[in-house]
Amino acid sequence: MYLDPAKKKEIFEKYGKSNSDTGSAEAQIALFSYRISHLTEHLKLNRKDYSTERALTMLVGKRRRLLNYLMDKDIERYRAIIKTLGLRK
């Protein structure tokens, strides 16, 4: 399993506001980014896996909507997460 509870906890500790923060926008965006990178690598090897391709597209949309929400609510937090994760607009 590529995303075990220990890896999730590590992501939430690094990007969340506290150790058990799983609901903040930053933590969710970091988790989505990790999953997106994993699915992208999977699709490089399995080009005809259309269900994974659809899941990846939906996940990118979720992350984009969350980034748009964060940009509207607090531009400084948005800039910080973009810089931290190495995302571009």
N, C-alpha and C. Protein backbone atom coordinates (compact mmCIF):
# COMPACT_ATOMS: atom_id res chain seq x y z
N MET A 1 0.85 -1.18 0.00
CA MET A 1 0.00 0.00 0.00
C MET A 1 0.89 1.25 0.00
N TYR A 2 0.64 2.13 -0.92
CA TYR A 2 1.54 3.27 -1.08
C TYR A 2 1.31 4.38 -0.05
N LEU A 3 0.14 4.42 0.55
CA LEU A 3 -0.16 5.50 1.50
C LEU A 3 -0.62 4.88 2.81
N ASP A 4 0.33 4.46 3.61
CA ASP A 4 0.00 3.86 4.89
C ASP A 4 -0.23 4.96 5.93
N PRO A 5 -0.80 4.59 7.08
CA PRO A 5 -1.09 5.60 8.11
C PRO A 5 0.14 6.38 8.58
N ALA A 6 1.29 5.74 8.59
CA ALA A 6 2.51 6.44 9.02
C ALA A 6 2.86 7.56 8.04
N LYS A 7 2.71 7.30 6.74
CA LYS A 7 3.02 8.32 5.74
C LYS A 7 2.02 9.47 5.82
N LYS A 8 0.74 9.14 6.04
CA LYS A 8 -0.27 10.19 6.20
C LYS A 8 0.05 11.07 7.40
N LYS A 9 0.41 10.42 8.52
CA LYS A 9 0.74 11.17 9.73
C LYS A 9 1.93 12.09 9.49
N GLU A 10 2.92 11.60 8.77
CA GLU A 10 4.09 12.41 8.45
C GLU A 10 3.70 13.64 7.63
N ILE A 11 2.83 13.46 6.64
CA ILE A 11 2.38 14.58 5.81
C ILE A 11 1.60 15.58 6.65
N PHE A 12 0.70 15.09 7.49
CA PHE A 12 -0.11 15.99 8.30
C PHE A 12 0.73 16.71 9.35
N GLU A 13 1.76 16.07 9.89
CA GLU A 13 2.64 16.75 10.85
C GLU A 13 3.44 17.85 10.17
N LYS A 14 3.88 17.58 8.95
CA LYS A 14 4.72 18.54 8.25
C LYS A 14 3.93 19.75 7.75
N TYR A 15 2.75 19.52 7.21
CA TYR A 15 2.01 20.61 6.56
C TYR A 15 0.80 21.10 7.36
N GLY A 16 0.35 20.34 8.35
CA GLY A 16 -0.81 20.76 9.14
C GLY A 16 -0.42 21.77 10.20
N LYS A 17 -1.40 22.30 10.85
CA LYS A 17 -1.16 23.29 11.89
C LYS A 17 -0.70 22.64 13.19
N SER A 18 -1.08 21.38 13.40
CA SER A 18 -0.65 20.62 14.56
C SER A 18 -0.43 19.18 14.14
N ASN A 19 -0.06 18.33 15.10
CA ASN A 19 0.23 16.93 14.77
C ASN A 19 -0.99 16.17 14.27
N SER A 20 -2.16 16.50 14.79
CA SER A 20 -3.37 15.75 14.43
C SER A 20 -4.28 16.54 13.48
N ASP A 21 -3.75 17.58 12.86
CA ASP A 21 -4.55 18.41 11.97
C ASP A 21 -4.67 17.74 10.61
N THR A 22 -5.85 17.21 10.32
CA THR A 22 -6.07 16.54 9.04
C THR A 22 -7.02 17.32 8.14
N GLY A 23 -7.60 18.38 8.64
CA GLY A 23 -8.63 19.08 7.89
C GLY A 23 -8.23 20.41 7.31
N SER A 24 -7.06 20.92 7.66
CA SER A 24 -6.68 22.22 7.13
C SER A 24 -6.43 22.13 5.63
N ALA A 25 -6.58 23.23 4.96
CA ALA A 25 -6.39 23.25 3.51
C ALA A 25 -4.97 22.86 3.14
N GLU A 26 -3.99 23.33 3.89
CA GLU A 26 -2.60 23.02 3.59
C GLU A 26 -2.32 21.52 3.67
N ALA A 27 -2.84 20.87 4.71
CA ALA A 27 -2.63 19.44 4.88
C ALA A 27 -3.32 18.65 3.77
N GLN A 28 -4.52 19.05 3.41
CA GLN A 28 -5.24 18.35 2.35
C GLN A 28 -4.55 18.53 1.00
N ILE A 29 -4.07 19.73 0.72
CA ILE A 29 -3.38 19.98 -0.54
C ILE A 29 -2.09 19.16 -0.61
N ALA A 30 -1.38 19.07 0.50
CA ALA A 30 -0.16 18.27 0.54
C ALA A 30 -0.46 16.79 0.30
N LEU A 31 -1.53 16.29 0.91
CA LEU A 31 -1.92 14.90 0.71
C LEU A 31 -2.33 14.64 -0.73
N PHE A 32 -3.12 15.55 -1.30
CA PHE A 32 -3.52 15.42 -2.70
C PHE A 32 -2.30 15.44 -3.62
N SER A 33 -1.34 16.30 -3.33
CA SER A 33 -0.14 16.40 -4.17
C SER A 33 0.66 15.10 -4.12
N TYR A 34 0.75 14.50 -2.95
CA TYR A 34 1.45 13.23 -2.82
C TYR A 34 0.75 12.15 -3.65
N ARG A 35 -0.57 12.09 -3.53
CA ARG A 35 -1.33 11.10 -4.28
C ARG A 35 -1.24 11.35 -5.79
N ILE A 36 -1.27 12.61 -6.20
CA ILE A 36 -1.17 12.94 -7.62
C ILE A 36 0.17 12.49 -8.18
N SER A 37 1.24 12.72 -7.46
CA SER A 37 2.55 12.30 -7.95
C SER A 37 2.64 10.78 -8.05
N HIS A 38 2.03 10.07 -7.10
CA HIS A 38 2.05 8.61 -7.16
C HIS A 38 1.24 8.10 -8.36
N LEU A 39 0.06 8.66 -8.59
CA LEU A 39 -0.76 8.23 -9.72
C LEU A 39 -0.11 8.58 -11.06
N THR A 40 0.58 9.69 -11.11
CA THR A 40 1.27 10.09 -12.33
C THR A 40 2.35 9.08 -12.68
N GLU A 41 3.11 8.64 -11.68
CA GLU A 41 4.14 7.63 -11.92
C GLU A 41 3.50 6.32 -12.37
N HIS A 42 2.37 5.95 -11.80
CA HIS A 42 1.67 4.73 -12.19
C HIS A 42 1.22 4.81 -13.65
N LEU A 43 0.72 5.97 -14.05
CA LEU A 43 0.23 6.11 -15.42
C LEU A 43 1.36 6.14 -16.45
N LYS A 44 2.56 6.50 -16.03
CA LYS A 44 3.69 6.45 -16.96
C LYS A 44 3.98 5.02 -17.36
N LEU A 45 3.74 4.09 -16.44
CA LEU A 45 3.99 2.68 -16.72
C LEU A 45 2.77 1.98 -17.33
N ASN A 46 1.58 2.43 -16.98
CA ASN A 46 0.33 1.79 -17.41
C ASN A 46 -0.52 2.80 -18.17
N ARG A 47 -0.21 3.02 -19.41
CA ARG A 47 -0.86 4.06 -20.20
C ARG A 47 -2.34 3.82 -20.45
N LYS A 48 -2.77 2.59 -20.44
CA LYS A 48 -4.16 2.29 -20.77
C LYS A 48 -5.04 2.11 -19.54
N ASP A 49 -4.57 2.50 -18.38
CA ASP A 49 -5.34 2.39 -17.14
C ASP A 49 -6.25 3.61 -17.04
N TYR A 50 -7.40 3.51 -17.66
CA TYR A 50 -8.29 4.66 -17.77
C TYR A 50 -8.99 5.01 -16.46
N SER A 51 -9.22 4.04 -15.60
CA SER A 51 -9.85 4.35 -14.32
C SER A 51 -8.89 5.16 -13.44
N THR A 52 -7.62 4.85 -13.49
CA THR A 52 -6.64 5.64 -12.75
C THR A 52 -6.50 7.03 -13.35
N GLU A 53 -6.59 7.10 -14.66
CA GLU A 53 -6.51 8.40 -15.33
C GLU A 53 -7.67 9.29 -14.90
N ARG A 54 -8.86 8.71 -14.79
CA ARG A 54 -10.03 9.47 -14.35
C ARG A 54 -9.87 9.90 -12.90
N ALA A 55 -9.38 8.99 -12.05
CA ALA A 55 -9.16 9.32 -10.64
C ALA A 55 -8.14 10.45 -10.50
N LEU A 56 -7.10 10.42 -11.32
CA LEU A 56 -6.09 11.47 -11.29
C LEU A 56 -6.69 12.81 -11.70
N THR A 57 -7.50 12.80 -12.74
CA THR A 57 -8.14 14.04 -13.19
C THR A 57 -9.05 14.62 -12.10
N MET A 58 -9.79 13.76 -11.44
CA MET A 58 -10.68 14.23 -10.37
C MET A 58 -9.88 14.76 -9.19
N LEU A 59 -8.76 14.12 -8.87
CA LEU A 59 -7.93 14.55 -7.77
C LEU A 59 -7.27 15.90 -8.05
N VAL A 60 -6.84 16.10 -9.28
CA VAL A 60 -6.26 17.40 -9.67
C VAL A 60 -7.31 18.49 -9.54
N GLY A 61 -8.55 18.18 -9.92
CA GLY A 61 -9.64 19.15 -9.79
C GLY A 61 -9.93 19.49 -8.34
N LYS A 62 -9.90 18.50 -7.47
CA LYS A 62 -10.11 18.74 -6.04
C LYS A 62 -9.03 19.66 -5.49
N ARG A 63 -7.78 19.37 -5.86
CA ARG A 63 -6.67 20.19 -5.37
C ARG A 63 -6.79 21.62 -5.90
N ARG A 64 -7.18 21.76 -7.17
CA ARG A 64 -7.33 23.09 -7.76
C ARG A 64 -8.42 23.88 -7.05
N ARG A 65 -9.56 23.23 -6.77
CA ARG A 65 -10.64 23.91 -6.06
C ARG A 65 -10.21 24.34 -4.66
N LEU A 66 -9.46 23.49 -3.98
CA LEU A 66 -8.98 23.83 -2.64
C LEU A 66 -7.97 24.97 -2.70
N LEU A 67 -7.11 24.98 -3.72
CA LEU A 67 -6.18 26.08 -3.88
C LEU A 67 -6.90 27.39 -4.20
N ASN A 68 -7.94 27.32 -5.01
CA ASN A 68 -8.72 28.52 -5.31
C ASN A 68 -9.40 29.05 -4.05
N TYR A 69 -9.94 28.15 -3.24
CA TYR A 69 -10.56 28.55 -1.97
C TYR A 69 -9.54 29.24 -1.09
N LEU A 70 -8.36 28.65 -0.97
CA LEU A 70 -7.32 29.22 -0.12
C LEU A 70 -6.86 30.57 -0.65
N MET A 71 -6.79 30.72 -1.97
CA MET A 71 -6.39 31.98 -2.57
C MET A 71 -7.41 33.07 -2.26
N ASP A 72 -8.70 32.73 -2.28
CA ASP A 72 -9.73 33.71 -1.97
C ASP A 72 -9.76 34.10 -0.50
N LYS A 73 -9.54 33.12 0.38
CA LYS A 73 -9.65 33.37 1.82
C LYS A 73 -8.41 34.00 2.43
N ASP A 74 -7.23 33.48 2.07
CA ASP A 74 -6.00 33.96 2.70
C ASP A 74 -4.84 33.80 1.72
N ILE A 75 -4.49 34.89 1.06
CA ILE A 75 -3.50 34.85 0.00
C ILE A 75 -2.11 34.49 0.53
N GLU A 76 -1.80 34.83 1.76
CA GLU A 76 -0.49 34.51 2.32
C GLU A 76 -0.33 33.01 2.54
N ARG A 77 -1.37 32.36 3.05
CA ARG A 77 -1.33 30.90 3.21
C ARG A 77 -1.22 30.22 1.86
N TYR A 78 -1.91 30.77 0.86
CA TYR A 78 -1.86 30.24 -0.50
C TYR A 78 -0.43 30.32 -1.04
N ARG A 79 0.19 31.47 -0.90
CA ARG A 79 1.56 31.64 -1.40
C ARG A 79 2.53 30.72 -0.68
N ALA A 80 2.31 30.53 0.62
CA ALA A 80 3.20 29.67 1.40
C ALA A 80 3.10 28.21 0.94
N ILE A 81 1.90 27.72 0.72
CA ILE A 81 1.75 26.32 0.31
C ILE A 81 2.25 26.11 -1.11
N ILE A 82 2.05 27.09 -1.98
CA ILE A 82 2.58 26.99 -3.34
C ILE A 82 4.09 26.91 -3.32
N LYS A 83 4.71 27.75 -2.50
CA LYS A 83 6.17 27.77 -2.41
C LYS A 83 6.69 26.48 -1.77
N THR A 84 6.03 26.02 -0.73
CA THR A 84 6.47 24.83 0.00
C THR A 84 6.39 23.58 -0.86
N LEU A 85 5.30 23.41 -1.58
CA LEU A 85 5.10 22.21 -2.40
C LEU A 85 5.72 22.31 -3.78
N GLY A 86 6.13 23.50 -4.16
CA GLY A 86 6.73 23.67 -5.48
C GLY A 86 5.71 23.64 -6.60
N LEU A 87 4.48 24.03 -6.30
CA LEU A 87 3.43 24.10 -7.31
C LEU A 87 3.52 25.43 -8.03
N ARG A 88 2.96 25.49 -9.19
CA ARG A 88 2.90 26.77 -9.90
C ARG A 88 1.46 27.03 -10.27
N LYS A 89 1.17 28.27 -10.45
CA LYS A 89 -0.23 28.65 -10.71
C LYS A 89 -0.69 28.29 -12.05
